[in-house]
Amino acid sequence: MDPIKKNPMFIYLSVLTVASTVGLQAWTTLFNNFAVEVAHLHGDDIGIIQSIREIPGFLALLAIFVIRLIPEHRLSALSILILGIGIAMTGWLPSLTGLILTTVMMSFGFHYYETTNMSLTLQYFDKQASPWVFGKLRSISAASSIVVGVFIFCMASVLDFKAIYVIIGTLIGLTAIWGFTRRPTTTETVVQRKRMIVRGRYWLFYFLTFMAGARRQIFIAFAVLLLVQKFGYSVQAVTILFVINNTINYFLSPAIGRAIIRFGERRVLTLEYSFLIGIFMAYAFTESKWLAGGLYILDHIFFNFAMAINTFFQKIGDPGDVAPTMAVGFTINHIAAVFLPAIGGYFWIIDYRIPFIAGAVMALISLSAVQLIRPISQ
């Protein structure tokens, strides 16, 4: 895999992935504490913001039309720039309206970069290399998360939220400017169809993508909220968990990519969803802050297995369908994300266990669907 590391597209995606990860990690680490301690928001407000945060992901299919105007790799850099601006502004607007505005900006940047990142990876690396590349990019992402986690942990007692957001947002913006100066593309890739494409033979990919998006929202919207509200985790404690998560994933993510190559998508995804059923049920009923933290670490590890859904598509899809299908898939991934956190926020007020029990049911349904992946697709 050494020649891949020198590939201009791999270098380009690696650098921008660092910026994307830093932005999302900073937002995720700080958001719940910032929303509760500074903006004085409640569970239903946070649920609404989390739902709104996913609207740009739902609109990811519009990337198909944007790449008619600018090259796909340029859209990646532009997305990172928007992400940086959104992060930098967050600390200045500690209110429900302000957080909605900055969250939408941050989210547009993050989600559109993720769409182009997946698309460019599947276009520029073959079926034997792409799982490794996905795994390596996640490893790089994990290392970046560790760095920003350590930074927040060290600075949380010295700087206020506003200063931290500005520093991180500025660094992300500078990385985007670097991206605008690069040209990592070649003329050897298959020309992508620049229109929305939905094919019946991709139905299993669409369904698994939809369910992965629903499961992901339980993790993002309510796992950290459980740690903060029920078990009283501080910013520093949450940051320590993020650092532990990403230290593990730095080493584990490439191994997951190699496992996909060796064992196939069906076995890897079966392992993921089998464990998730137990993890979500344990979230719902544990009374131990230590067990809850351990569950969060396991949850985060299994989240990385989702790369197998995209490599599954690469094996069944037309090479010219990659860009439009990744955009459509990202939109499908966020259908549940638009409404599920808000609904979950209201159920949280009734009984915080309900969202996690729902997550276990989703994992069971996904486990059943994964068995339909044919061995030939592996």
Protein backbone atom coordinates (compact mmCIF):
# COMPACT_ATOMS: atom_id res chain seq x y z
CA MET A 1 0.00 0.00 0.00
CA ASP A 2 3.03 2.31 0.07
CA PRO A 3 2.50 3.65 -3.50
CA ILE A 4 -1.00 4.73 -2.45
CA LYS A 5 0.46 6.98 0.25
CA LYS A 6 2.23 8.98 -2.49
CA ASN A 7 -0.90 9.30 -4.62
CA PRO A 8 -1.79 13.03 -4.97
CA MET A 9 -5.47 12.31 -4.32
CA PHE A 10 -4.66 10.34 -1.17
CA ILE A 11 -2.51 13.22 0.12
CA TYR A 12 -5.23 15.74 -0.78
CA LEU A 13 -8.00 13.79 0.94
CA SER A 14 -5.78 13.10 3.94
CA VAL A 15 -5.12 16.80 4.57
CA LEU A 16 -8.73 17.87 4.08
CA THR A 17 -9.92 14.95 6.20
CA VAL A 18 -7.77 16.29 9.04
CA ALA A 19 -9.54 19.66 8.76
CA SER A 20 -12.99 18.06 8.50
CA THR A 21 -12.33 15.86 11.52
CA VAL A 22 -10.96 18.71 13.62
CA GLY A 23 -14.10 20.73 12.91
CA LEU A 24 -16.56 17.96 13.69
CA GLN A 25 -14.61 16.77 16.73
CA ALA A 26 -14.43 20.27 18.19
CA TRP A 27 -18.13 20.86 17.58
CA THR A 28 -19.12 17.47 19.03
CA THR A 29 -16.85 17.79 22.06
CA LEU A 30 -17.95 21.29 22.98
CA PHE A 31 -21.56 21.41 21.82
CA ASN A 32 -23.46 19.76 24.67
CA ASN A 33 -21.57 21.62 27.37
CA PHE A 34 -21.73 24.91 25.45
CA ALA A 35 -25.46 24.46 24.82
CA VAL A 36 -26.24 23.57 28.44
CA GLU A 37 -23.79 25.79 30.35
CA VAL A 38 -23.62 28.91 28.17
CA ALA A 39 -26.73 28.94 25.97
CA HIS A 40 -28.87 27.34 28.73
CA LEU A 41 -30.71 25.04 26.33
CA HIS A 42 -32.70 21.92 27.26
CA GLY A 43 -33.05 18.44 25.78
CA ASP A 44 -35.81 19.40 23.35
CA ASP A 45 -33.82 22.42 22.10
CA ILE A 46 -30.76 20.26 21.59
CA GLY A 47 -32.84 17.68 19.75
CA ILE A 48 -34.14 20.37 17.40
CA ILE A 49 -30.61 21.63 16.68
CA GLN A 50 -29.41 18.09 16.06
CA SER A 51 -32.22 17.57 13.55
CA ILE A 52 -31.49 20.85 11.80
CA ARG A 53 -27.81 19.90 11.73
CA GLU A 54 -28.69 16.99 9.48
CA ILE A 55 -30.63 19.00 6.89
CA PRO A 56 -27.46 19.76 4.85
CA GLY A 57 -26.76 16.03 4.79
CA PHE A 58 -30.29 15.49 3.51
CA LEU A 59 -29.55 18.02 0.76
CA ALA A 60 -26.27 16.33 -0.22
CA LEU A 61 -27.82 15.25 -3.53
CA LEU A 62 -27.49 18.88 -4.65
CA ALA A 63 -23.75 18.22 -4.86
CA ILE A 64 -24.53 16.45 -8.13
CA PHE A 65 -25.53 19.79 -9.63
CA VAL A 66 -22.76 21.78 -7.94
CA ILE A 67 -20.07 19.64 -9.60
CA ARG A 68 -21.47 20.74 -12.95
CA LEU A 69 -20.11 24.18 -12.09
CA ILE A 70 -16.89 23.37 -10.23
CA PRO A 71 -14.68 20.24 -10.12
CA GLU A 72 -15.44 17.78 -7.37
CA HIS A 73 -12.11 18.28 -5.61
CA ARG A 74 -12.70 22.07 -5.57
CA LEU A 75 -16.06 21.47 -3.92
CA SER A 76 -14.16 19.53 -1.24
CA ALA A 77 -11.97 22.58 -0.44
CA LEU A 78 -14.95 24.95 -0.53
CA SER A 79 -16.81 22.72 1.89
CA ILE A 80 -13.90 22.80 4.33
CA LEU A 81 -13.84 26.61 4.13
CA ILE A 82 -17.55 26.83 5.00
CA LEU A 83 -16.99 24.38 7.86
CA GLY A 84 -14.23 26.58 9.28
CA ILE A 85 -16.36 29.73 9.13
CA GLY A 86 -19.24 27.98 10.90
CA ILE A 87 -16.99 26.73 13.70
CA ALA A 88 -15.32 30.13 14.18
CA MET A 89 -18.70 31.87 14.56
CA THR A 90 -20.24 29.39 17.02
CA GLY A 91 -18.89 30.88 20.25
CA TRP A 92 -20.19 34.35 19.35
CA LEU A 93 -23.84 33.25 19.17
CA PRO A 94 -24.83 31.43 22.41
CA SER A 95 -28.57 31.13 21.79
CA LEU A 96 -30.99 28.73 20.13
CA THR A 97 -31.18 30.90 16.99
CA GLY A 98 -27.43 31.49 16.93
CA LEU A 99 -26.61 27.81 17.32
CA ILE A 100 -29.06 26.91 14.57
CA LEU A 101 -27.32 29.36 12.19
CA THR A 102 -23.75 28.29 12.93
CA THR A 103 -24.70 24.61 13.06
CA VAL A 104 -26.21 24.80 9.57
CA MET A 105 -23.03 26.43 8.20
CA MET A 106 -20.77 23.91 9.91
CA SER A 107 -22.98 21.07 8.76
CA PHE A 108 -23.08 22.13 5.10
CA GLY A 109 -19.30 22.20 5.07
CA PHE A 110 -18.87 18.86 6.81
CA HIS A 111 -21.51 16.91 4.92
CA TYR A 112 -20.57 18.14 1.46
CA TYR A 113 -16.94 17.31 2.13
CA GLU A 114 -17.89 13.83 3.31
CA THR A 115 -19.93 13.30 0.14
CA THR A 116 -17.04 14.26 -2.14
CA ASN A 117 -14.54 12.39 0.04
CA MET A 118 -16.41 9.10 -0.38
CA SER A 119 -16.95 9.72 -4.08
CA LEU A 120 -13.33 10.61 -4.85
CA THR A 121 -12.05 7.62 -2.84
CA LEU A 122 -14.21 5.17 -4.79
CA GLN A 123 -13.26 6.82 -8.10
CA TYR A 124 -9.49 6.98 -7.62
CA PHE A 125 -8.85 3.67 -5.82
CA ASP A 126 -9.86 0.20 -6.98
CA LYS A 127 -11.91 -2.41 -5.14
CA GLN A 128 -8.89 -3.97 -3.46
CA ALA A 129 -7.44 -0.62 -2.38
CA SER A 130 -10.52 1.41 -1.40
CA PRO A 131 -11.28 -0.41 1.90
CA TRP A 132 -7.68 0.19 2.98
CA VAL A 133 -7.90 3.85 1.93
CA PHE A 134 -11.17 4.31 3.84
CA GLY A 135 -9.57 2.67 6.85
CA LYS A 136 -6.41 4.78 6.58
CA LEU A 137 -8.41 7.99 6.25
CA ARG A 138 -10.36 7.04 9.36
CA SER A 139 -7.06 6.37 11.11
CA ILE A 140 -5.83 9.82 10.11
CA SER A 141 -9.15 11.19 11.28
CA ALA A 142 -8.71 9.48 14.64
CA ALA A 143 -5.22 10.93 15.07
CA SER A 144 -6.58 14.39 14.28
CA SER A 145 -9.32 13.92 16.83
CA ILE A 146 -6.75 13.04 19.47
CA VAL A 147 -4.83 16.24 18.78
CA VAL A 148 -7.89 18.49 18.94
CA GLY A 149 -9.15 16.57 21.98
CA VAL A 150 -5.89 17.18 23.83
CA PHE A 151 -6.00 20.83 22.77
CA ILE A 152 -9.53 21.31 24.13
CA PHE A 153 -8.71 19.42 27.31
CA CYS A 154 -5.69 21.65 27.96
CA MET A 155 -7.32 24.90 26.92
CA ALA A 156 -10.77 24.43 28.50
CA SER A 157 -9.52 25.75 31.83
CA VAL A 158 -7.56 28.62 30.23
CA LEU A 159 -9.66 29.84 27.29
CA ASP A 160 -13.40 30.39 27.05
CA PHE A 161 -15.61 28.68 24.47
CA LYS A 162 -15.44 31.67 22.12
CA ALA A 163 -11.65 31.67 21.87
CA ILE A 164 -11.47 27.92 21.30
CA TYR A 165 -14.03 28.06 18.50
CA VAL A 166 -12.21 30.94 16.78
CA ILE A 167 -8.79 29.27 16.93
CA ILE A 168 -10.05 25.98 15.54
CA GLY A 169 -12.21 27.61 12.86
CA THR A 170 -9.28 29.71 11.64
CA LEU A 171 -7.00 26.70 11.30
CA ILE A 172 -9.66 24.88 9.29
CA GLY A 173 -10.06 27.89 6.99
CA LEU A 174 -6.30 28.00 6.33
CA THR A 175 -6.37 24.31 5.37
CA ALA A 176 -9.16 25.04 2.89
CA ILE A 177 -7.03 27.75 1.27
CA TRP A 178 -4.24 25.16 0.86
CA GLY A 179 -6.78 22.88 -0.82
CA PHE A 180 -7.62 25.53 -3.40
CA THR A 181 -3.96 25.57 -4.48
CA ARG A 182 -3.84 21.81 -5.21
CA ARG A 183 -4.80 19.83 -8.31
CA PRO A 184 -4.79 16.12 -7.37
CA THR A 185 -6.98 14.86 -10.22
CA THR A 186 -6.08 12.79 -13.28
CA THR A 187 -7.84 12.11 -16.58
CA GLU A 188 -7.78 8.34 -16.07
CA THR A 189 -10.94 8.02 -13.97
CA VAL A 190 -14.36 7.17 -15.36
CA VAL A 191 -16.41 10.27 -16.22
CA GLN A 192 -19.18 10.66 -13.66
CA ARG A 193 -22.85 11.16 -14.50
CA LYS A 194 -23.83 14.60 -13.26
CA ARG A 195 -27.50 13.98 -12.62
CA MET A 196 -29.51 12.28 -9.91
CA ILE A 197 -29.53 8.50 -10.36
CA VAL A 198 -31.65 6.00 -8.45
CA ARG A 199 -31.46 2.39 -9.64
CA GLY A 200 -33.58 -0.49 -8.39
CA ARG A 201 -30.61 -2.86 -8.28
CA TYR A 202 -28.98 -0.62 -5.64
CA TRP A 203 -31.91 -1.00 -3.23
CA LEU A 204 -29.98 -2.91 -0.55
CA PHE A 205 -27.27 -0.24 -0.52
CA TYR A 206 -29.96 2.43 -0.13
CA PHE A 207 -31.68 0.57 2.71
CA LEU A 208 -28.48 -0.14 4.65
CA THR A 209 -27.47 3.47 4.18
CA PHE A 210 -30.81 4.68 5.52
CA MET A 211 -30.62 2.42 8.58
CA ALA A 212 -27.01 3.39 9.24
CA GLY A 213 -28.09 7.03 9.27
CA ALA A 214 -30.86 6.33 11.76
CA ARG A 215 -28.54 4.35 14.06
CA ARG A 216 -25.90 7.07 13.77
CA GLN A 217 -28.30 9.69 15.07
CA ILE A 218 -28.93 7.80 18.29
CA PHE A 219 -25.19 7.73 18.84
CA ILE A 220 -24.53 11.38 17.99
CA ALA A 221 -27.60 13.01 19.49
CA PHE A 222 -28.08 11.05 22.69
CA ALA A 223 -24.99 9.10 23.74
CA VAL A 224 -23.00 12.16 24.82
CA LEU A 225 -26.16 13.79 26.17
CA LEU A 226 -26.62 10.73 28.41
CA LEU A 227 -23.07 11.12 29.69
CA VAL A 228 -23.50 14.85 30.37
CA GLN A 229 -27.02 14.99 31.79
CA LYS A 230 -27.44 11.65 33.58
CA PHE A 231 -23.87 10.97 34.69
CA GLY A 232 -22.53 14.53 34.97
CA TYR A 233 -19.54 14.22 32.61
CA SER A 234 -17.60 17.50 32.28
CA VAL A 235 -16.00 18.88 29.08
CA GLN A 236 -12.70 17.39 30.21
CA ALA A 237 -14.24 13.98 30.93
CA VAL A 238 -15.99 13.87 27.55
CA THR A 239 -12.74 14.93 25.89
CA ILE A 240 -10.86 12.09 27.61
CA LEU A 241 -13.37 9.63 26.15
CA PHE A 242 -12.88 11.11 22.68
CA VAL A 243 -9.11 10.75 23.03
CA ILE A 244 -9.45 7.11 24.14
CA ASN A 245 -11.84 6.41 21.25
CA ASN A 246 -9.57 7.88 18.66
CA THR A 247 -6.41 6.31 20.03
CA ILE A 248 -8.08 2.93 19.59
CA ASN A 249 -9.42 3.80 16.15
CA TYR A 250 -6.08 5.14 14.95
CA PHE A 251 -4.73 1.59 15.14
CA LEU A 252 -7.98 -0.29 14.48
CA SER A 253 -9.41 1.49 11.41
CA PRO A 254 -6.83 0.18 8.90
CA ALA A 255 -7.41 -3.29 10.35
CA ILE A 256 -11.14 -2.91 9.69
CA GLY A 257 -10.34 -2.02 6.08
CA ARG A 258 -8.16 -5.11 5.75
CA ALA A 259 -10.92 -7.22 7.35
CA ILE A 260 -13.37 -6.03 4.70
CA ILE A 261 -10.92 -7.08 1.99
CA ARG A 262 -10.36 -10.49 3.60
CA PHE A 263 -13.76 -11.45 4.98
CA GLY A 264 -16.20 -9.36 2.94
CA GLU A 265 -18.82 -6.80 3.79
CA ARG A 266 -21.48 -9.21 5.03
CA ARG A 267 -19.39 -10.69 7.82
CA VAL A 268 -18.01 -7.34 8.95
CA LEU A 269 -21.45 -5.71 9.07
CA THR A 270 -22.94 -8.75 10.79
CA LEU A 271 -20.37 -8.35 13.57
CA GLU A 272 -21.18 -4.64 13.88
CA TYR A 273 -24.93 -4.93 14.21
CA SER A 274 -24.78 -7.97 16.49
CA PHE A 275 -22.79 -5.97 19.03
CA LEU A 276 -24.85 -2.80 18.58
CA ILE A 277 -28.03 -4.50 19.76
CA GLY A 278 -26.43 -5.19 23.13
CA ILE A 279 -24.72 -1.79 23.30
CA PHE A 280 -27.94 0.17 22.83
CA MET A 281 -29.85 -1.93 25.35
CA ALA A 282 -27.05 -1.43 27.85
CA TYR A 283 -27.19 2.34 27.26
CA ALA A 284 -30.86 2.24 28.17
CA PHE A 285 -30.53 0.43 31.49
CA THR A 286 -27.08 1.02 32.94
CA GLU A 287 -26.76 3.00 36.15
CA SER A 288 -22.97 3.03 36.07
CA LYS A 289 -21.15 6.08 34.73
CA TRP A 290 -18.10 3.89 34.05
CA LEU A 291 -20.08 1.34 32.05
CA ALA A 292 -21.77 4.15 30.13
CA GLY A 293 -18.35 5.53 29.19
CA GLY A 294 -17.21 2.06 28.13
CA LEU A 295 -20.31 1.62 25.98
CA TYR A 296 -19.57 4.93 24.31
CA ILE A 297 -16.09 3.71 23.40
CA LEU A 298 -17.46 0.45 21.95
CA ASP A 299 -20.17 2.33 20.08
CA HIS A 300 -17.59 4.60 18.51
CA ILE A 301 -15.44 1.64 17.43
CA PHE A 302 -18.30 -0.11 15.66
CA PHE A 303 -19.33 3.11 13.96
CA ASN A 304 -16.23 2.70 11.75
CA PHE A 305 -17.55 -0.56 10.33
CA ALA A 306 -20.03 1.43 8.24
CA MET A 307 -17.34 1.94 5.57
CA ALA A 308 -18.28 -1.56 4.40
CA ILE A 309 -21.60 -0.22 3.09
CA ASN A 310 -19.77 2.02 0.61
CA THR A 311 -17.33 -0.70 -0.48
CA PHE A 312 -20.35 -2.97 -0.98
CA PHE A 313 -21.72 -0.43 -3.46
CA GLN A 314 -18.38 -0.26 -5.28
CA LYS A 315 -18.68 -3.98 -5.97
CA ILE A 316 -22.20 -3.85 -7.37
CA GLY A 317 -22.32 -0.36 -8.92
CA ASP A 318 -21.51 1.13 -12.31
CA PRO A 319 -18.21 3.09 -12.09
CA GLY A 320 -19.93 6.10 -13.68
CA ASP A 321 -22.57 6.10 -10.95
CA VAL A 322 -20.18 6.68 -8.06
CA ALA A 323 -20.49 10.48 -7.64
CA PRO A 324 -24.28 10.69 -8.06
CA THR A 325 -24.90 7.57 -5.96
CA MET A 326 -22.71 8.79 -3.11
CA ALA A 327 -24.65 12.07 -3.14
CA VAL A 328 -28.02 10.30 -3.25
CA GLY A 329 -26.81 7.82 -0.63
CA PHE A 330 -25.76 10.63 1.68
CA THR A 331 -29.22 12.14 1.33
CA ILE A 332 -30.85 8.78 2.09
CA ASN A 333 -28.51 8.43 5.07
CA HIS A 334 -29.94 11.66 6.45
CA ILE A 335 -33.67 11.14 5.87
CA ALA A 336 -34.14 9.78 9.38
CA ALA A 337 -31.57 12.26 10.68
CA VAL A 338 -33.79 15.22 9.84
CA PHE A 339 -36.61 14.18 12.15
CA LEU A 340 -35.27 11.46 14.46
CA PRO A 341 -33.23 13.66 16.87
CA ALA A 342 -36.14 16.06 17.36
CA ILE A 343 -38.59 13.22 18.00
CA GLY A 344 -36.02 11.50 20.17
CA GLY A 345 -35.57 14.73 22.14
CA TYR A 346 -39.24 14.76 23.09
CA PHE A 347 -39.18 11.05 23.98
CA TRP A 348 -36.04 11.78 26.02
CA ILE A 349 -38.09 14.05 28.23
CA ILE A 350 -40.66 11.25 28.74
CA ASP A 351 -38.03 8.55 29.34
CA TYR A 352 -34.41 8.78 28.21
CA ARG A 353 -34.35 5.01 27.61
CA ILE A 354 -36.73 5.17 24.64
CA PRO A 355 -34.21 6.46 22.02
CA PHE A 356 -31.71 3.74 22.97
CA ILE A 357 -34.29 0.94 22.81
CA ALA A 358 -35.24 2.25 19.38
CA GLY A 359 -31.56 2.08 18.42
CA ALA A 360 -31.43 -1.59 19.41
CA VAL A 361 -34.45 -2.31 17.20
CA MET A 362 -32.78 -0.49 14.29
CA ALA A 363 -29.63 -2.57 14.78
CA LEU A 364 -31.70 -5.78 14.70
CA ILE A 365 -33.39 -4.76 11.44
CA SER A 366 -30.01 -3.88 9.92
CA LEU A 367 -28.57 -7.22 11.04
CA SER A 368 -31.34 -9.02 9.16
CA ALA A 369 -30.86 -6.92 6.01
CA VAL A 370 -27.10 -7.49 5.93
CA GLN A 371 -27.71 -11.23 5.48
CA LEU A 372 -29.07 -10.41 2.00
CA ILE A 373 -25.63 -9.39 0.77
CA ARG A 374 -24.65 -12.16 -1.62
CA PRO A 375 -21.23 -13.78 -1.25
CA ILE A 376 -20.45 -12.76 -4.83
CA SER A 377 -20.68 -9.12 -3.65
CA GLN A 378 -17.92 -9.75 -1.19
